[in-house]
Structure formats: C-alpha cells, structure tokens
C-alpha atoms as a PDB file:
ATOM      1  CA  UNK A   1     -19.708 -19.548  -4.807  1.00  0.00           C
ATOM      2  CA  UNK A   2     -16.101 -20.789  -4.613  1.00  0.00           C
ATOM      3  CA  UNK A   3     -13.332 -18.321  -5.330  1.00  0.00           C
ATOM      4  CA  UNK A   4     -11.323 -19.095  -8.467  1.00  0.00           C
ATOM      5  CA  UNK A   5      -7.618 -18.362  -8.019  1.00  0.00           C
ATOM      6  CA  UNK A   6      -5.922 -16.369 -10.741  1.00  0.00           C
ATOM      7  CA  UNK A   7      -3.114 -18.163 -12.596  1.00  0.00           C
ATOM      8  CA  UNK A   8       0.325 -17.145 -11.329  1.00  0.00           C
ATOM      9  CA  UNK A   9       3.521 -17.000 -13.374  1.00  0.00           C
ATOM     10  CA  UNK A  10       6.889 -16.420 -11.720  1.00  0.00           C
ATOM     11  CA  UNK A  11       9.938 -14.896 -13.378  1.00  0.00           C
ATOM     12  CA  UNK A  12      13.253 -15.350 -11.547  1.00  0.00           C
ATOM     13  CA  UNK A  13      15.727 -12.687 -12.707  1.00  0.00           C
ATOM     14  CA  UNK A  14      19.430 -13.082 -11.907  1.00  0.00           C
ATOM     15  CA  UNK A  15      22.512 -11.127 -12.943  1.00  0.00           C
ATOM     16  CA  UNK A  16      24.658 -12.868 -15.568  1.00  0.00           C
ATOM     17  CA  UNK A  17      27.871 -11.604 -13.933  1.00  0.00           C
ATOM     18  CA  UNK A  18      28.863 -11.917 -10.284  1.00  0.00           C
ATOM     19  CA  UNK A  19      26.307 -10.256  -8.042  1.00  0.00           C
ATOM     20  CA  UNK A  20      28.173  -7.732  -5.831  1.00  0.00           C
ATOM     21  CA  UNK A  21      25.358  -7.644  -3.250  1.00  0.00           C
ATOM     22  CA  UNK A  22      25.344 -11.422  -2.906  1.00  0.00           C
ATOM     23  CA  UNK A  23      29.165 -11.554  -2.680  1.00  0.00           C
ATOM     24  CA  UNK A  24      29.161  -8.851   0.006  1.00  0.00           C
ATOM     25  CA  UNK A  25      26.327 -10.492   1.969  1.00  0.00           C
ATOM     26  CA  UNK A  26      28.115 -13.852   1.820  1.00  0.00           C
ATOM     27  CA  UNK A  27      31.333 -12.397   3.241  1.00  0.00           C
ATOM     28  CA  UNK A  28      29.519 -10.452   5.982  1.00  0.00           C
ATOM     29  CA  UNK A  29      27.518 -13.558   6.941  1.00  0.00           C
ATOM     30  CA  UNK A  30      30.550 -15.844   7.054  1.00  0.00           C
ATOM     31  CA  UNK A  31      32.820 -13.448   8.929  1.00  0.00           C
ATOM     32  CA  UNK A  32      30.562 -11.653  11.394  1.00  0.00           C
ATOM     33  CA  UNK A  33      27.398 -13.716  12.031  1.00  0.00           C
ATOM     34  CA  UNK A  34      27.322 -16.993  13.945  1.00  0.00           C
ATOM     35  CA  UNK A  35      24.485 -18.349  11.780  1.00  0.00           C
ATOM     36  CA  UNK A  36      26.499 -17.583   8.640  1.00  0.00           C
ATOM     37  CA  UNK A  37      29.629 -19.512   9.596  1.00  0.00           C
ATOM     38  CA  UNK A  38      28.448 -22.569   7.643  1.00  0.00           C
ATOM     39  CA  UNK A  39      27.124 -20.599   4.674  1.00  0.00           C
ATOM     40  CA  UNK A  40      28.847 -21.926   1.549  1.00  0.00           C
ATOM     41  CA  UNK A  41      27.068 -20.129  -1.305  1.00  0.00           C
ATOM     42  CA  UNK A  42      24.641 -17.249  -1.671  1.00  0.00           C
ATOM     43  CA  UNK A  43      22.610 -16.255  -4.723  1.00  0.00           C
ATOM     44  CA  UNK A  44      19.997 -13.564  -5.324  1.00  0.00           C
ATOM     45  CA  UNK A  45      17.094 -13.216  -7.752  1.00  0.00           C
ATOM     46  CA  UNK A  46      14.449 -10.598  -8.324  1.00  0.00           C
ATOM     47  CA  UNK A  47      11.166 -12.485  -8.295  1.00  0.00           C
ATOM     48  CA  UNK A  48       8.374 -11.055 -10.454  1.00  0.00           C
ATOM     49  CA  UNK A  49       4.935 -12.628 -10.149  1.00  0.00           C
ATOM     50  CA  UNK A  50       2.207 -12.016 -12.722  1.00  0.00           C
ATOM     51  CA  UNK A  51      -1.283 -12.918 -11.539  1.00  0.00           C
ATOM     52  CA  UNK A  52      -4.167 -13.306 -13.907  1.00  0.00           C
ATOM     53  CA  UNK A  53      -2.573 -13.901 -17.288  1.00  0.00           C
ATOM     54  CA  UNK A  54      -4.158 -16.547 -19.483  1.00  0.00           C
ATOM     55  CA  UNK A  55      -1.478 -16.534 -22.201  1.00  0.00           C
ATOM     56  CA  UNK A  56      -0.047 -19.921 -23.194  1.00  0.00           C
ATOM     57  CA  UNK A  57       3.329 -20.539 -21.473  1.00  0.00           C
ATOM     58  CA  UNK A  58       5.426 -20.217 -24.663  1.00  0.00           C
ATOM     59  CA  UNK A  59       3.781 -16.940 -25.683  1.00  0.00           C
ATOM     60  CA  UNK A  60       4.031 -15.582 -22.150  1.00  0.00           C
ATOM     61  CA  UNK A  61       7.749 -16.443 -21.863  1.00  0.00           C
ATOM     62  CA  UNK A  62       8.440 -14.899 -25.275  1.00  0.00           C
ATOM     63  CA  UNK A  63       6.702 -11.665 -24.247  1.00  0.00           C
ATOM     64  CA  UNK A  64       8.668 -11.505 -20.982  1.00  0.00           C
ATOM     65  CA  UNK A  65      11.963 -12.138 -22.774  1.00  0.00           C
ATOM     66  CA  UNK A  66      11.275  -9.439 -25.395  1.00  0.00           C
ATOM     67  CA  UNK A  67      10.333  -6.829 -22.808  1.00  0.00           C
ATOM     68  CA  UNK A  68      12.720  -4.570 -20.928  1.00  0.00           C
ATOM     69  CA  UNK A  69       9.876  -3.817 -18.504  1.00  0.00           C
ATOM     70  CA  UNK A  70      10.739  -6.908 -16.448  1.00  0.00           C
ATOM     71  CA  UNK A  71      14.464  -7.432 -16.940  1.00  0.00           C
ATOM     72  CA  UNK A  72      17.475  -6.426 -19.051  1.00  0.00           C
ATOM     73  CA  UNK A  73      18.476  -9.437 -21.193  1.00  0.00           C
ATOM     74  CA  UNK A  74      21.873  -7.853 -21.845  1.00  0.00           C
ATOM     75  CA  UNK A  75      22.952  -8.169 -18.214  1.00  0.00           C
ATOM     76  CA  UNK A  76      20.380 -10.475 -16.629  1.00  0.00           C
ATOM     77  CA  UNK A  77      18.936 -13.916 -17.284  1.00  0.00           C
ATOM     78  CA  UNK A  78      15.352 -14.874 -16.583  1.00  0.00           C
ATOM     79  CA  UNK A  79      13.806 -18.241 -15.770  1.00  0.00           C
ATOM     80  CA  UNK A  80      10.034 -18.339 -16.282  1.00  0.00           C
ATOM     81  CA  UNK A  81       8.006 -20.668 -14.099  1.00  0.00           C
ATOM     82  CA  UNK A  82       4.560 -21.027 -15.654  1.00  0.00           C
ATOM     83  CA  UNK A  83       2.987 -23.059 -12.830  1.00  0.00           C
ATOM     84  CA  UNK A  84       3.735 -25.061  -9.681  1.00  0.00           C
ATOM     85  CA  UNK A  85       4.877 -28.074 -11.724  1.00  0.00           C
ATOM     86  CA  UNK A  86       7.635 -26.071 -13.443  1.00  0.00           C
ATOM     87  CA  UNK A  87      10.942 -26.096 -11.560  1.00  0.00           C
ATOM     88  CA  UNK A  88      12.178 -22.983  -9.803  1.00  0.00           C
ATOM     89  CA  UNK A  89      15.884 -22.124 -10.307  1.00  0.00           C
ATOM     90  CA  UNK A  90      16.505 -22.668  -6.580  1.00  0.00           C
ATOM     91  CA  UNK A  91      18.614 -25.810  -6.005  1.00  0.00           C
ATOM     92  CA  UNK A  92      17.248 -28.605  -3.824  1.00  0.00           C
ATOM     93  CA  UNK A  93      19.947 -27.977  -1.181  1.00  0.00           C
ATOM     94  CA  UNK A  94      19.338 -24.206  -1.034  1.00  0.00           C
ATOM     95  CA  UNK A  95      17.109 -22.457   1.457  1.00  0.00           C
ATOM     96  CA  UNK A  96      14.986 -19.884  -0.388  1.00  0.00           C
ATOM     97  CA  UNK A  97      14.194 -16.684   1.494  1.00  0.00           C
ATOM     98  CA  UNK A  98      11.732 -14.154   0.056  1.00  0.00           C
ATOM     99  CA  UNK A  99      12.083 -10.479   1.065  1.00  0.00           C
ATOM    100  CA  UNK A 100       9.490  -7.869   0.037  1.00  0.00           C
ATOM    101  CA  UNK A 101       9.305  -4.149   0.675  1.00  0.00           C
ATOM    102  CA  UNK A 102       6.251  -3.675   2.856  1.00  0.00           C
ATOM    103  CA  UNK A 103       3.585  -1.867   0.824  1.00  0.00           C
ATOM    104  CA  UNK A 104       5.807  -1.452  -2.251  1.00  0.00           C
ATOM    105  CA  UNK A 105       5.662  -4.867  -3.882  1.00  0.00           C
ATOM    106  CA  UNK A 106       3.166  -3.868  -6.623  1.00  0.00           C
ATOM    107  CA  UNK A 107       4.496  -2.806 -10.032  1.00  0.00           C
ATOM    108  CA  UNK A 108       1.761  -0.623 -11.611  1.00  0.00           C
ATOM    109  CA  UNK A 109       3.920   0.431 -14.587  1.00  0.00           C
ATOM    110  CA  UNK A 110       4.473  -3.220 -15.512  1.00  0.00           C
ATOM    111  CA  UNK A 111       0.737  -3.865 -15.128  1.00  0.00           C
ATOM    112  CA  UNK A 112      -0.047  -1.009 -17.544  1.00  0.00           C
ATOM    113  CA  UNK A 113       2.586  -2.231 -20.025  1.00  0.00           C
ATOM    114  CA  UNK A 114       1.153  -5.778 -19.919  1.00  0.00           C
ATOM    115  CA  UNK A 115      -2.369  -4.504 -20.506  1.00  0.00           C
ATOM    116  CA  UNK A 116      -1.188  -2.390 -23.437  1.00  0.00           C
ATOM    117  CA  UNK A 117       0.635  -5.372 -25.007  1.00  0.00           C
ATOM    118  CA  UNK A 118      -1.945  -8.108 -24.365  1.00  0.00           C
ATOM    119  CA  UNK A 119      -5.233  -6.497 -23.356  1.00  0.00           C
ATOM    120  CA  UNK A 120      -5.091  -8.506 -20.090  1.00  0.00           C
ATOM    121  CA  UNK A 121      -5.443  -6.992 -16.667  1.00  0.00           C
ATOM    122  CA  UNK A 122      -2.807  -8.575 -14.475  1.00  0.00           C
ATOM    123  CA  UNK A 123      -1.352  -7.917 -11.072  1.00  0.00           C
ATOM    124  CA  UNK A 124       2.450  -7.684 -10.987  1.00  0.00           C
ATOM    125  CA  UNK A 125       4.362  -8.033  -7.722  1.00  0.00           C
ATOM    126  CA  UNK A 126       8.094  -8.071  -7.079  1.00  0.00           C
ATOM    127  CA  UNK A 127      10.413  -9.186  -4.292  1.00  0.00           C
ATOM    128  CA  UNK A 128      13.925 -10.522  -3.720  1.00  0.00           C
ATOM    129  CA  UNK A 129      14.770 -14.179  -3.266  1.00  0.00           C
ATOM    130  CA  UNK A 130      17.984 -15.193  -1.544  1.00  0.00           C
ATOM    131  CA  UNK A 131      19.261 -18.738  -2.132  1.00  0.00           C
ATOM    132  CA  UNK A 132      21.325 -19.839   0.868  1.00  0.00           C
ATOM    133  CA  UNK A 133      23.411 -23.005   0.586  1.00  0.00           C
ATOM    134  CA  UNK A 134      25.105 -24.324   3.721  1.00  0.00           C
ATOM    135  CA  UNK A 135      27.923 -26.779   4.383  1.00  0.00           C
ATOM    136  CA  UNK A 136      26.882 -30.406   5.011  1.00  0.00           C
ATOM    137  CA  UNK A 137      25.962 -31.062   8.642  1.00  0.00           C
ATOM    138  CA  UNK A 138      24.696 -27.519   9.273  1.00  0.00           C
ATOM    139  CA  UNK A 139      21.050 -27.086  10.329  1.00  0.00           C
ATOM    140  CA  UNK A 140      20.272 -25.112   7.164  1.00  0.00           C
ATOM    141  CA  UNK A 141      16.694 -24.196   8.082  1.00  0.00           C
ATOM    142  CA  UNK A 142      17.638 -22.872  11.532  1.00  0.00           C
ATOM    143  CA  UNK A 143      20.607 -20.913  10.163  1.00  0.00           C
ATOM    144  CA  UNK A 144      18.547 -19.452   7.302  1.00  0.00           C
ATOM    145  CA  UNK A 145      15.892 -18.320   9.784  1.00  0.00           C
ATOM    146  CA  UNK A 146      18.552 -16.802  12.021  1.00  0.00           C
ATOM    147  CA  UNK A 147      20.004 -14.882   9.057  1.00  0.00           C
ATOM    148  CA  UNK A 148      16.614 -13.724   7.756  1.00  0.00           C
ATOM    149  CA  UNK A 149      15.736 -10.759   9.988  1.00  0.00           C
ATOM    150  CA  UNK A 150      18.311  -8.164  10.926  1.00  0.00           C
ATOM    151  CA  UNK A 151      17.741  -7.450  14.608  1.00  0.00           C
ATOM    152  CA  UNK A 152      21.173  -6.031  15.502  1.00  0.00           C
ATOM    153  CA  UNK A 153      24.792  -6.110  14.258  1.00  0.00           C
ATOM    154  CA  UNK A 154      25.256  -9.739  15.295  1.00  0.00           C
ATOM    155  CA  UNK A 155      21.913 -11.232  14.277  1.00  0.00           C
ATOM    156  CA  UNK A 156      20.256 -11.394  10.872  1.00  0.00           C
ATOM    157  CA  UNK A 157      21.064  -9.691   7.604  1.00  0.00           C
ATOM    158  CA  UNK A 158      18.563  -9.995   4.762  1.00  0.00           C
ATOM    159  CA  UNK A 159      15.397  -8.190   5.913  1.00  0.00           C
ATOM    160  CA  UNK A 160      14.860  -5.001   7.885  1.00  0.00           C
ATOM    161  CA  UNK A 161      11.899  -5.839  10.170  1.00  0.00           C
ATOM    162  CA  UNK A 162      10.810  -2.183  10.196  1.00  0.00           C
ATOM    163  CA  UNK A 163      10.302  -1.936   6.417  1.00  0.00           C
ATOM    164  CA  UNK A 164      10.373  -5.429   4.954  1.00  0.00           C
ATOM    165  CA  UNK A 165       8.631  -8.769   5.293  1.00  0.00           C
ATOM    166  CA  UNK A 166      10.349 -12.093   4.704  1.00  0.00           C
ATOM    167  CA  UNK A 167       9.357 -15.703   4.351  1.00  0.00           C
ATOM    168  CA  UNK A 168      11.408 -18.879   4.149  1.00  0.00           C
ATOM    169  CA  UNK A 169      10.079 -21.431   1.647  1.00  0.00           C
ATOM    170  CA  UNK A 170       9.290 -24.682   3.425  1.00  0.00           C
ATOM    171  CA  UNK A 171      10.044 -26.674   0.253  1.00  0.00           C
ATOM    172  CA  UNK A 172      10.129 -25.486  -3.356  1.00  0.00           C
ATOM    173  CA  UNK A 173       9.024 -21.839  -3.637  1.00  0.00           C
ATOM    174  CA  UNK A 174       5.233 -21.834  -4.067  1.00  0.00           C
ATOM    175  CA  UNK A 175       3.354 -19.881  -6.714  1.00  0.00           C
ATOM    176  CA  UNK A 176       2.099 -17.434  -5.588  1.00  0.00           C
ATOM    177  CA  UNK A 177       4.751 -16.646  -3.032  1.00  0.00           C
ATOM    178  CA  UNK A 178       4.580 -12.856  -2.758  1.00  0.00           C
ATOM    179  CA  UNK A 179       1.625 -11.998  -0.516  1.00  0.00           C
ATOM    180  CA  UNK A 180      -1.422 -10.548  -2.259  1.00  0.00           C
ATOM    181  CA  UNK A 181      -1.736  -8.089   0.559  1.00  0.00           C
ATOM    182  CA  UNK A 182       1.285  -7.239   2.622  1.00  0.00           C
ATOM    183  CA  UNK A 183       1.155  -8.545   6.116  1.00  0.00           C
ATOM    184  CA  UNK A 184       3.319  -9.399   9.050  1.00  0.00           C
ATOM    185  CA  UNK A 185       5.011 -12.458   7.536  1.00  0.00           C
ATOM    186  CA  UNK A 186       8.254 -11.319   9.179  1.00  0.00           C
ATOM    187  CA  UNK A 187       6.616 -12.107  12.505  1.00  0.00           C
ATOM    188  CA  UNK A 188       6.113 -15.685  11.330  1.00  0.00           C
ATOM    189  CA  UNK A 189       9.835 -16.087  10.591  1.00  0.00           C
ATOM    190  CA  UNK A 190      10.606 -14.539  13.987  1.00  0.00           C
ATOM    191  CA  UNK A 191       8.251 -16.985  15.773  1.00  0.00           C
ATOM    192  CA  UNK A 192       9.600 -20.013  13.888  1.00  0.00           C
ATOM    193  CA  UNK A 193      13.220 -19.136  14.685  1.00  0.00           C
ATOM    194  CA  UNK A 194      12.542 -18.742  18.422  1.00  0.00           C
END
C-alpha cells in the first residue's frame, strides 16, 4: 500500500520592524567573513509547518491570523503558503537557508491548541529561515553555503553544527522543508560546500 503524504501548510513569520538579529548578522558577515563580503541584504523568518490539516486554505489562514499561538500580529506579519504552488515570501534572487534546533523543532503546545480549535491532529514544526541576497556577480550559492555552518570565527555564522541542522533550498523552499525526523542535514551542507 502506497504511503499518502499529509498536506503541509507553511507560515512564514517576519517582524514588522527592523530585525535586530538580521541587522547584526548582516554587519558581522560583511565585515568579518570572506563569504559575506558580497552580502547585500539579509532577512529572517520563523517558519512554522503544519502537517495533516485538511482545512480549506481561507479558513486555515484565518485561524492562523486570529491565533497568538503561532505569531503576534501586533509586531509580526505572517504569509501563509497553503501548498507548493503558493509563492513563498523568499525573493527569486535570495538564497533561503533553513536552520532547525536538533530535536527541538516540534511544537506540542501548538499541536494541542490546533486540536482543541479544530478537532484535527496535526504535527507542528518550527525553524528559522534566513534569506541571503548577494551583489550581482557573486556566486550566491557557494557564499550561502560557506556562511551556513559556523565552524570557527572566520567561517560560517547561521548554524551551530553541534546543536543545529541547516539546509539550503535548491530552488523555492519546498513544503515540507523541516525534516519530519531530525537528521544530519548539516552534514549535507558541509559536503556540498567542500
């Protein structure tokens, strides 16, 4: 019997005001890391993935926007991506890097809240997405890979290889993107950047 994949909805949550972590990471990258010299812009989102919901897209988006379980509409904005055909907020010229805390990507409280509100059992996972935009002429993929894993003071910045996994999107971020089971995806970035 073939396995039926659960539907996946992505919510990209971004601060409405300037993001101090993104501003700081941009300056550190540009000033102290060779791979960051051509970095022009840096953005950051919290990515929340809901797996298993069967709600219609409009109803699902409305529920997410009314809830403070997933984001604070007073200080954050949220873009809901109902399926792979919906656009992600990542620009075409940005490299999207996913970073997840190894073993801590599940959000059980959000799963309980969703079940209470809808009666559905869903799986909720969360990670960070960095959008890296480089100057024209820069090998954006190579530089993004070099910035992904922090190996020492001069190499990498966004993921601690001892506690986090990271993955660079090869094109538009795929749904699902956050691994169902945590694994050594950081090793894949390390191999690809070698």
